[in-house]
Amino acid sequence: MHKIIAKASLSPQIIRLDVAAVRIARIRQPGQFVIVHRGGDAERIPLTIADADAEAGTITLVIQVAGQSTCELAALNPGEAIANIAGPLGHPTELIAAGRALCIGGGVGVAVVHPIAQGLKRRGVTVSSIIGGRTREAIIFEPELRRLGEVIVCTDDGSYGRRGFVTDAARDALAAGGIDIVYAVGPVPMMRAVANLTRPLGVRTIVSLNPIMVDGTGMCGGCRVSVGGQTRFACVDGPEFDGHAVDFEQLMDRLTTYRDFEQRALAACQEGDCKLGRR
């Protein structure tokens, strides 16, 4: 059992949980994730390790409420526990050793960008971050990223920071030059747009993919993606890949497979039909 140590609401649909996971906290690396099982007959879901405190033995999970399982996890409070957390899984981020990196995060993807920026900063790399959300309330991890370097905030409605998409700010940053690598994490259309910006400039771009994932070992095949014309499995070959080689159209199509079911399950959960905390 993994006890919930602390909980915070980062936005109306995004929850941060600091969870006891001593061994994972000691060895996790940027880009890696865990498979979380709430307990009972709940499904297993992948979550990025957004931060970790090796001394305290805790890891930080950032949960966007999108279906029944995430609704149940978000309902947990300090003192309660998650039954099983497996990890760290996946390949660590390939971090450059010197130069300047541009980290781009959209929505909950900003939480995935955070450990990457941390790892780069520790190596002495100059880090600039562009983060975005629909509104001011949707902006997360801004203070944490500001401790690591320059941060540009974008909101769709202009309620905070720069009005517009992260890709608009990225275009300006890339035009100024001096960017050695781009790390982009967020909605698939955003990552595709960033890759389309950097491809003609020859700027290497790494994206973190979020396909449907079940076991985290590559056995189920649910997380297969097409990269450079080859089938890869995000759980064991990724979750990060060359953004210029990813088939984003295929990825977007596969991500919609269970969307209607997720929405119905979320509605039932929010109405209390899933009996939070009893599964």
Protein backbone atom coordinates (compact mmCIF):
# COMPACT_ATOMS: atom_id res chain seq x y z
CA MET A 1 0.00 0.00 0.00
CA HIS A 2 1.21 3.50 -0.86
CA LYS A 3 -0.03 6.14 1.54
CA ILE A 4 -1.15 9.54 0.29
CA ILE A 5 1.07 12.08 2.07
CA ALA A 6 -0.27 15.31 0.56
CA LYS A 7 -2.89 16.48 -1.92
CA ALA A 8 -3.39 19.71 -3.83
CA SER A 9 -5.79 20.92 -6.49
CA LEU A 10 -3.76 22.43 -9.34
CA SER A 11 -6.78 23.29 -11.49
CA PRO A 12 -10.48 22.35 -11.57
CA GLN A 13 -9.71 18.96 -13.18
CA ILE A 14 -6.06 18.36 -12.21
CA ILE A 15 -4.99 16.96 -8.82
CA ARG A 16 -1.50 16.53 -7.38
CA LEU A 17 -0.85 13.63 -5.02
CA ASP A 18 2.41 13.13 -3.11
CA VAL A 19 2.59 9.41 -2.45
CA ALA A 20 4.90 7.22 -0.38
CA ALA A 21 7.00 5.08 -2.74
CA VAL A 22 10.48 4.86 -1.22
CA ARG A 23 12.26 2.66 -3.75
CA ILE A 24 10.77 4.43 -6.77
CA ALA A 25 11.68 7.85 -5.36
CA ARG A 26 15.32 6.80 -5.03
CA ILE A 27 15.88 5.55 -8.57
CA ARG A 28 13.39 7.30 -10.86
CA GLN A 29 14.77 9.39 -13.72
CA PRO A 30 13.21 12.14 -15.87
CA GLY A 31 10.71 10.82 -18.39
CA GLN A 32 9.83 7.65 -16.51
CA PHE A 33 6.36 6.70 -15.34
CA VAL A 34 4.51 4.31 -13.05
CA ILE A 35 1.48 2.05 -13.43
CA VAL A 36 -1.02 2.84 -10.68
CA HIS A 37 -3.70 0.46 -9.43
CA ARG A 38 -6.19 2.04 -7.03
CA GLY A 39 -7.23 -1.36 -5.65
CA GLY A 40 -9.92 -4.01 -6.07
CA ASP A 41 -11.22 -4.25 -9.64
CA ALA A 42 -10.03 -0.77 -10.63
CA GLU A 43 -8.05 -0.54 -13.86
CA ARG A 44 -4.32 0.07 -14.06
CA ILE A 45 -3.32 3.45 -15.48
CA PRO A 46 0.03 5.03 -16.40
CA LEU A 47 1.08 8.27 -14.70
CA THR A 48 4.29 10.23 -15.14
CA ILE A 49 6.47 10.78 -12.09
CA ALA A 50 6.23 14.57 -12.03
CA ASP A 51 8.66 14.95 -9.11
CA ALA A 52 10.26 12.93 -6.34
CA ASP A 53 11.83 13.45 -2.93
CA ALA A 54 14.35 10.68 -2.31
CA GLU A 55 14.89 11.69 1.32
CA ALA A 56 11.20 11.73 2.14
CA GLY A 57 10.57 8.64 0.01
CA THR A 58 7.73 10.23 -1.97
CA ILE A 59 6.82 10.65 -5.61
CA THR A 60 4.49 13.22 -7.11
CA LEU A 61 1.64 12.10 -9.37
CA VAL A 62 -0.43 14.60 -11.35
CA ILE A 63 -3.87 13.31 -12.30
CA GLN A 64 -6.19 14.82 -14.88
CA VAL A 65 -9.74 13.65 -14.24
CA ALA A 66 -10.87 12.09 -17.51
CA GLY A 67 -12.66 8.86 -16.59
CA GLN A 68 -13.73 6.67 -13.68
CA SER A 69 -10.25 5.55 -12.61
CA THR A 70 -8.79 9.05 -12.55
CA CYS A 71 -11.92 10.28 -10.76
CA GLU A 72 -11.41 7.64 -8.07
CA LEU A 73 -7.73 8.52 -7.66
CA ALA A 74 -8.50 12.22 -7.47
CA ALA A 75 -10.99 11.50 -4.67
CA LEU A 76 -8.29 10.06 -2.40
CA ASN A 77 -7.20 12.15 0.56
CA PRO A 78 -4.07 12.23 2.76
CA GLY A 79 -4.00 9.17 5.00
CA GLU A 80 -5.69 6.95 2.40
CA ALA A 81 -3.66 4.69 0.14
CA ILE A 82 -3.14 3.39 -3.39
CA ALA A 83 -2.89 -0.39 -3.46
CA ASN A 84 -0.16 -0.84 -6.06
CA ILE A 85 2.36 1.36 -7.87
CA ALA A 86 4.73 -0.37 -10.31
CA GLY A 87 7.80 1.39 -11.63
CA PRO A 88 9.76 3.27 -12.59
CA LEU A 89 8.94 2.20 -16.14
CA GLY A 90 9.99 3.39 -19.58
CA HIS A 91 13.23 4.80 -20.90
CA PRO A 92 14.57 7.90 -19.13
CA THR A 93 14.67 11.11 -21.13
CA GLU A 94 17.71 11.53 -23.36
CA LEU A 95 19.09 14.75 -21.89
CA ILE A 96 21.62 16.90 -23.71
CA ALA A 97 24.83 17.62 -21.81
CA ALA A 98 25.23 21.28 -22.75
CA GLY A 99 23.58 24.07 -24.69
CA ARG A 100 20.05 25.43 -24.60
CA ALA A 101 16.84 23.44 -24.40
CA LEU A 102 13.29 24.62 -25.01
CA CYS A 103 10.68 22.74 -22.96
CA ILE A 104 7.10 23.11 -24.19
CA GLY A 105 4.15 21.89 -22.15
CA GLY A 106 0.44 22.08 -22.74
CA GLY A 107 -2.21 21.34 -20.11
CA VAL A 108 -1.31 18.41 -17.85
CA GLY A 109 1.73 17.86 -20.08
CA VAL A 110 3.45 20.64 -18.13
CA ALA A 111 3.78 18.19 -15.24
CA VAL A 112 5.67 15.82 -17.56
CA VAL A 113 7.96 18.63 -18.75
CA HIS A 114 8.90 19.50 -15.17
CA PRO A 115 11.20 16.52 -14.40
CA ILE A 116 12.82 16.92 -17.83
CA ALA A 117 13.62 20.56 -17.07
CA GLN A 118 14.94 19.51 -13.65
CA GLY A 119 17.29 16.98 -15.21
CA LEU A 120 18.55 19.47 -17.79
CA LYS A 121 19.17 22.12 -15.15
CA ARG A 122 21.21 19.68 -13.06
CA ARG A 123 23.44 19.10 -16.09
CA GLY A 124 24.07 22.81 -16.53
CA VAL A 125 21.88 23.15 -19.61
CA THR A 126 20.13 26.50 -20.10
CA VAL A 127 16.40 25.81 -19.86
CA SER A 128 13.59 27.91 -21.28
CA SER A 129 9.99 26.76 -20.87
CA ILE A 130 6.78 27.64 -22.67
CA ILE A 131 3.66 26.43 -20.89
CA GLY A 132 0.03 26.85 -21.74
CA GLY A 133 -3.58 26.21 -20.83
CA ARG A 134 -7.03 27.33 -21.82
CA THR A 135 -7.34 29.77 -18.92
CA ARG A 136 -5.27 31.08 -16.02
CA GLU A 137 -6.77 28.39 -13.77
CA ALA A 138 -5.40 25.70 -16.09
CA ILE A 139 -1.76 26.77 -15.72
CA ILE A 140 0.22 24.35 -13.55
CA PHE A 141 3.82 24.00 -12.31
CA GLU A 142 4.71 27.59 -13.19
CA PRO A 143 6.58 28.35 -9.91
CA GLU A 144 8.51 25.07 -10.13
CA LEU A 145 9.62 25.76 -13.70
CA ARG A 146 10.56 29.36 -12.93
CA ARG A 147 13.13 28.02 -10.49
CA LEU A 148 14.77 26.25 -13.41
CA GLY A 149 14.86 29.03 -16.00
CA GLU A 150 12.86 31.47 -18.11
CA VAL A 151 9.15 30.71 -18.44
CA ILE A 152 6.65 32.05 -20.97
CA VAL A 153 3.00 31.44 -20.09
CA CYS A 154 0.27 31.28 -22.74
CA THR A 155 -3.48 31.08 -22.29
CA ASP A 156 -6.04 30.53 -25.03
CA ASP A 157 -8.30 33.29 -23.69
CA GLY A 158 -5.56 35.74 -22.71
CA SER A 159 -6.57 35.69 -19.04
CA TYR A 160 -2.91 35.27 -18.03
CA GLY A 161 0.41 35.70 -19.76
CA ARG A 162 0.49 35.77 -23.51
CA ARG A 163 -2.73 35.25 -25.45
CA GLY A 164 -2.60 32.32 -27.84
CA PHE A 165 -1.14 28.85 -28.17
CA VAL A 166 2.23 27.60 -26.98
CA THR A 167 3.13 27.05 -30.63
CA ASP A 168 2.86 30.80 -31.27
CA ALA A 169 5.43 31.52 -28.55
CA ALA A 170 7.55 28.57 -29.72
CA ARG A 171 7.67 29.98 -33.23
CA ASP A 172 9.10 33.24 -31.88
CA ALA A 173 11.64 31.45 -29.67
CA LEU A 174 12.82 29.28 -32.54
CA ALA A 175 13.07 32.29 -34.86
CA ALA A 176 15.42 33.94 -32.37
CA GLY A 177 17.77 30.97 -32.74
CA GLY A 178 20.12 29.30 -30.30
CA ILE A 179 17.83 26.36 -29.47
CA ASP A 180 19.68 23.03 -29.53
CA ILE A 181 16.75 20.75 -28.72
CA VAL A 182 13.02 20.90 -28.03
CA TYR A 183 11.10 18.72 -25.57
CA ALA A 184 7.33 18.92 -26.12
CA VAL A 185 4.60 17.28 -24.06
CA GLY A 186 0.86 17.89 -24.21
CA PRO A 187 -2.19 17.20 -26.37
CA VAL A 188 -1.33 15.29 -29.53
CA PRO A 189 -2.31 18.18 -31.87
CA MET A 190 0.05 20.45 -29.92
CA MET A 191 2.98 18.04 -30.16
CA ARG A 192 2.32 17.55 -33.87
CA ALA A 193 2.26 21.32 -34.41
CA VAL A 194 5.56 21.74 -32.54
CA ALA A 195 7.17 18.99 -34.62
CA ASN A 196 5.96 20.71 -37.79
CA LEU A 197 7.60 23.94 -36.60
CA THR A 198 10.96 22.41 -35.81
CA ARG A 199 11.25 19.96 -38.73
CA PRO A 200 12.16 22.55 -41.43
CA LEU A 201 14.59 24.18 -38.98
CA GLY A 202 16.39 20.93 -38.28
CA VAL A 203 15.93 21.29 -34.52
CA ARG A 204 15.76 17.93 -32.82
CA THR A 205 12.40 17.44 -31.09
CA ILE A 206 11.48 14.85 -28.49
CA VAL A 207 7.84 14.20 -27.61
CA SER A 208 6.26 12.09 -24.85
CA LEU A 209 3.38 9.95 -26.10
CA ASN A 210 0.28 8.95 -24.19
CA PRO A 211 -1.35 6.01 -26.01
CA ILE A 212 -3.70 3.55 -24.32
CA MET A 213 -1.60 1.44 -21.97
CA VAL A 214 -2.53 -1.62 -19.90
CA ASP A 215 0.32 -3.67 -18.48
CA GLY A 216 3.37 -1.43 -18.97
CA THR A 217 5.52 -4.37 -20.11
CA GLY A 218 4.90 -4.43 -23.87
CA MET A 219 2.88 -7.66 -23.72
CA CYS A 220 -0.62 -6.31 -24.33
CA GLY A 221 0.24 -4.24 -27.40
CA GLY A 222 -2.26 -1.56 -26.44
CA CYS A 223 0.31 1.23 -26.49
CA ARG A 224 1.67 0.56 -29.98
CA VAL A 225 2.58 3.59 -32.02
CA SER A 226 4.15 4.09 -35.41
CA VAL A 227 7.54 5.82 -35.36
CA GLY A 228 9.60 6.09 -38.53
CA GLY A 229 7.31 3.56 -40.19
CA GLN A 230 7.97 0.95 -37.50
CA THR A 231 5.68 -0.27 -34.75
CA ARG A 232 6.98 0.66 -31.33
CA PHE A 233 5.52 0.21 -27.84
CA ALA A 234 5.37 3.35 -25.74
CA CYS A 235 5.71 1.51 -22.44
CA VAL A 236 9.02 -0.22 -23.20
CA ASP A 237 10.42 1.66 -26.22
CA GLY A 238 9.30 5.09 -24.98
CA PRO A 239 7.35 6.94 -23.82
CA GLU A 240 9.54 9.51 -25.58
CA PHE A 241 10.27 9.44 -29.29
CA ASP A 242 11.62 11.56 -32.12
CA GLY A 243 8.75 13.95 -32.82
CA HIS A 244 9.68 14.19 -36.49
CA ALA A 245 9.14 10.44 -36.96
CA VAL A 246 5.87 9.90 -35.05
CA ASP A 247 2.66 9.14 -36.96
CA PHE A 248 0.46 11.57 -35.05
CA GLU A 249 -2.61 10.91 -37.20
CA GLN A 250 -2.63 7.25 -36.22
CA LEU A 251 -2.03 8.13 -32.57
CA MET A 252 -4.96 10.57 -32.50
CA ASP A 253 -7.25 8.02 -34.11
CA ARG A 254 -6.36 5.32 -31.56
CA LEU A 255 -6.79 7.68 -28.61
CA THR A 256 -10.46 8.19 -29.49
CA THR A 257 -11.29 4.46 -29.24
CA TYR A 258 -12.70 4.59 -25.70
CA ARG A 259 -13.53 8.28 -25.45
CA ASP A 260 -17.32 7.85 -25.29
CA PHE A 261 -16.97 5.15 -22.64
CA GLU A 262 -14.60 7.35 -20.61
CA GLN A 263 -17.05 10.24 -20.67
CA ARG A 264 -19.97 8.08 -19.56
CA ALA A 265 -17.87 6.52 -16.78
CA LEU A 266 -16.70 9.94 -15.63
CA ALA A 267 -20.25 11.26 -15.49
CA ALA A 268 -21.32 8.27 -13.39
CA CYS A 269 -18.34 8.67 -11.08
CA GLN A 270 -19.02 12.35 -10.52
CA GLU A 271 -22.61 11.47 -9.64
CA GLY A 272 -21.33 9.03 -7.04
CA ASP A 273 -22.38 5.85 -8.85
CA CYS A 274 -18.88 4.37 -8.77
CA LYS A 275 -18.80 4.43 -4.94
CA LEU A 276 -15.55 6.30 -4.51
CA GLY A 277 -13.14 4.65 -2.12
CA ARG A 278 -14.97 1.29 -2.07
CA ARG A 279 -13.49 -0.36 -5.16
